[in-house]
Amino acid sequence: MILAAVLSVALAGTEPPVDAGPANRLIRDATEWLLNGEDPPADLDQRLRALAPADRLRVLVFLRRAGIYDHPAWTAEQLLAPAQTPETP
């Protein structure tokens, strides 16, 4: 509860622009999950894999520090893999 209050104060007024890129949108969504007491979606790993490696690492650090992501650690190969695009049938 205290973490949510501190995070809310820290992020007040720092809303990224509407189209700030997928990494910032994912961080914004994760902040909302945290503040609303929601669990992250089941497809979070898939969303992370769709990011470029640098963005993926930045978002993973944010999620872990915020206590949102507690899945097993990613290997270096997973972190540095190119962004995966959704497969089309």
Protein backbone atom coordinates (compact mmCIF):
# COMPACT_ATOMS: atom_id res chain seq x y z
CA MET A 1 0.00 0.00 0.00
CA ILE A 2 2.80 2.39 0.85
CA LEU A 3 4.59 1.45 -2.38
CA ALA A 4 1.50 2.36 -4.36
CA ALA A 5 1.25 5.73 -2.61
CA VAL A 6 4.91 6.53 -3.16
CA LEU A 7 4.74 5.43 -6.78
CA SER A 8 1.62 7.51 -7.32
CA VAL A 9 3.30 10.64 -5.94
CA ALA A 10 6.50 9.98 -7.91
CA LEU A 11 4.62 9.57 -11.18
CA ALA A 12 2.24 12.49 -10.71
CA GLY A 13 2.56 14.82 -13.64
CA THR A 14 4.97 12.58 -15.54
CA GLU A 15 2.43 11.00 -17.86
CA PRO A 16 4.18 10.07 -21.10
CA PRO A 17 2.75 11.41 -24.34
CA VAL A 18 -0.19 9.48 -25.75
CA ASP A 19 1.92 7.82 -28.44
CA ALA A 20 5.15 7.33 -26.51
CA GLY A 21 5.97 3.91 -27.93
CA PRO A 22 5.17 0.38 -26.80
CA ALA A 23 7.64 0.31 -23.91
CA ASN A 24 6.25 3.46 -22.29
CA ARG A 25 2.69 2.26 -22.87
CA LEU A 26 3.51 -1.03 -21.15
CA ILE A 27 5.09 0.81 -18.21
CA ARG A 28 2.02 3.07 -17.99
CA ASP A 29 -0.29 0.03 -18.07
CA ALA A 30 1.80 -1.71 -15.40
CA THR A 31 1.59 1.35 -13.18
CA GLU A 32 -2.19 1.28 -13.52
CA TRP A 33 -2.25 -2.45 -12.62
CA LEU A 34 -0.20 -1.72 -9.53
CA LEU A 35 -2.26 1.25 -8.40
CA ASN A 36 -5.53 -0.60 -9.02
CA GLY A 37 -4.35 -3.76 -7.26
CA GLU A 38 -4.73 -5.82 -10.42
CA ASP A 39 -2.65 -8.78 -11.51
CA PRO A 40 -0.66 -8.44 -14.73
CA PRO A 41 -2.29 -10.03 -17.79
CA ALA A 42 -1.49 -13.61 -18.75
CA ASP A 43 0.11 -12.49 -22.01
CA LEU A 44 2.72 -10.26 -20.34
CA ASP A 45 5.65 -12.41 -21.52
CA GLN A 46 4.32 -12.19 -25.09
CA ARG A 47 4.05 -8.41 -24.80
CA LEU A 48 7.63 -8.24 -23.53
CA ARG A 49 8.90 -10.40 -26.40
CA ALA A 50 7.30 -7.98 -28.88
CA LEU A 51 9.55 -5.16 -27.63
CA ALA A 52 12.99 -4.31 -28.95
CA PRO A 53 15.75 -5.73 -26.69
CA ALA A 54 16.67 -2.37 -25.10
CA ASP A 55 13.02 -1.58 -24.37
CA ARG A 56 12.41 -5.12 -23.12
CA LEU A 57 15.21 -4.79 -20.58
CA ARG A 58 13.99 -1.36 -19.43
CA VAL A 59 10.43 -2.59 -18.95
CA LEU A 60 11.56 -5.78 -17.16
CA VAL A 61 13.65 -3.73 -14.73
CA PHE A 62 10.64 -1.50 -14.05
CA LEU A 63 8.30 -4.46 -13.55
CA ARG A 64 10.70 -6.27 -11.20
CA ARG A 65 11.46 -3.18 -9.12
CA ALA A 66 7.75 -2.44 -8.80
CA GLY A 67 7.12 -6.02 -7.67
CA ILE A 68 4.78 -6.70 -10.58
CA TYR A 69 6.89 -9.32 -12.37
CA ASP A 70 8.06 -12.26 -10.28
CA HIS A 71 8.40 -14.90 -12.99
CA PRO A 72 11.69 -16.79 -13.44
CA ALA A 73 14.66 -14.80 -14.67
CA TRP A 74 15.16 -14.32 -18.39
CA THR A 75 18.31 -15.65 -20.00
CA ALA A 76 20.65 -13.34 -21.92
CA GLU A 77 19.44 -14.94 -25.15
CA GLN A 78 15.82 -14.13 -24.29
CA LEU A 79 16.67 -10.55 -23.33
CA LEU A 80 18.69 -9.89 -26.48
CA ALA A 81 16.47 -11.71 -28.97
CA PRO A 82 14.95 -9.56 -31.71
CA ALA A 83 11.39 -8.37 -31.22
CA GLN A 84 8.85 -11.02 -32.11
CA THR A 85 5.93 -10.00 -34.25
CA PRO A 86 2.56 -11.66 -33.75
CA GLU A 87 2.17 -14.67 -35.97
CA THR A 88 -0.52 -14.44 -38.55
CA PRO A 89 -2.51 -17.58 -39.38
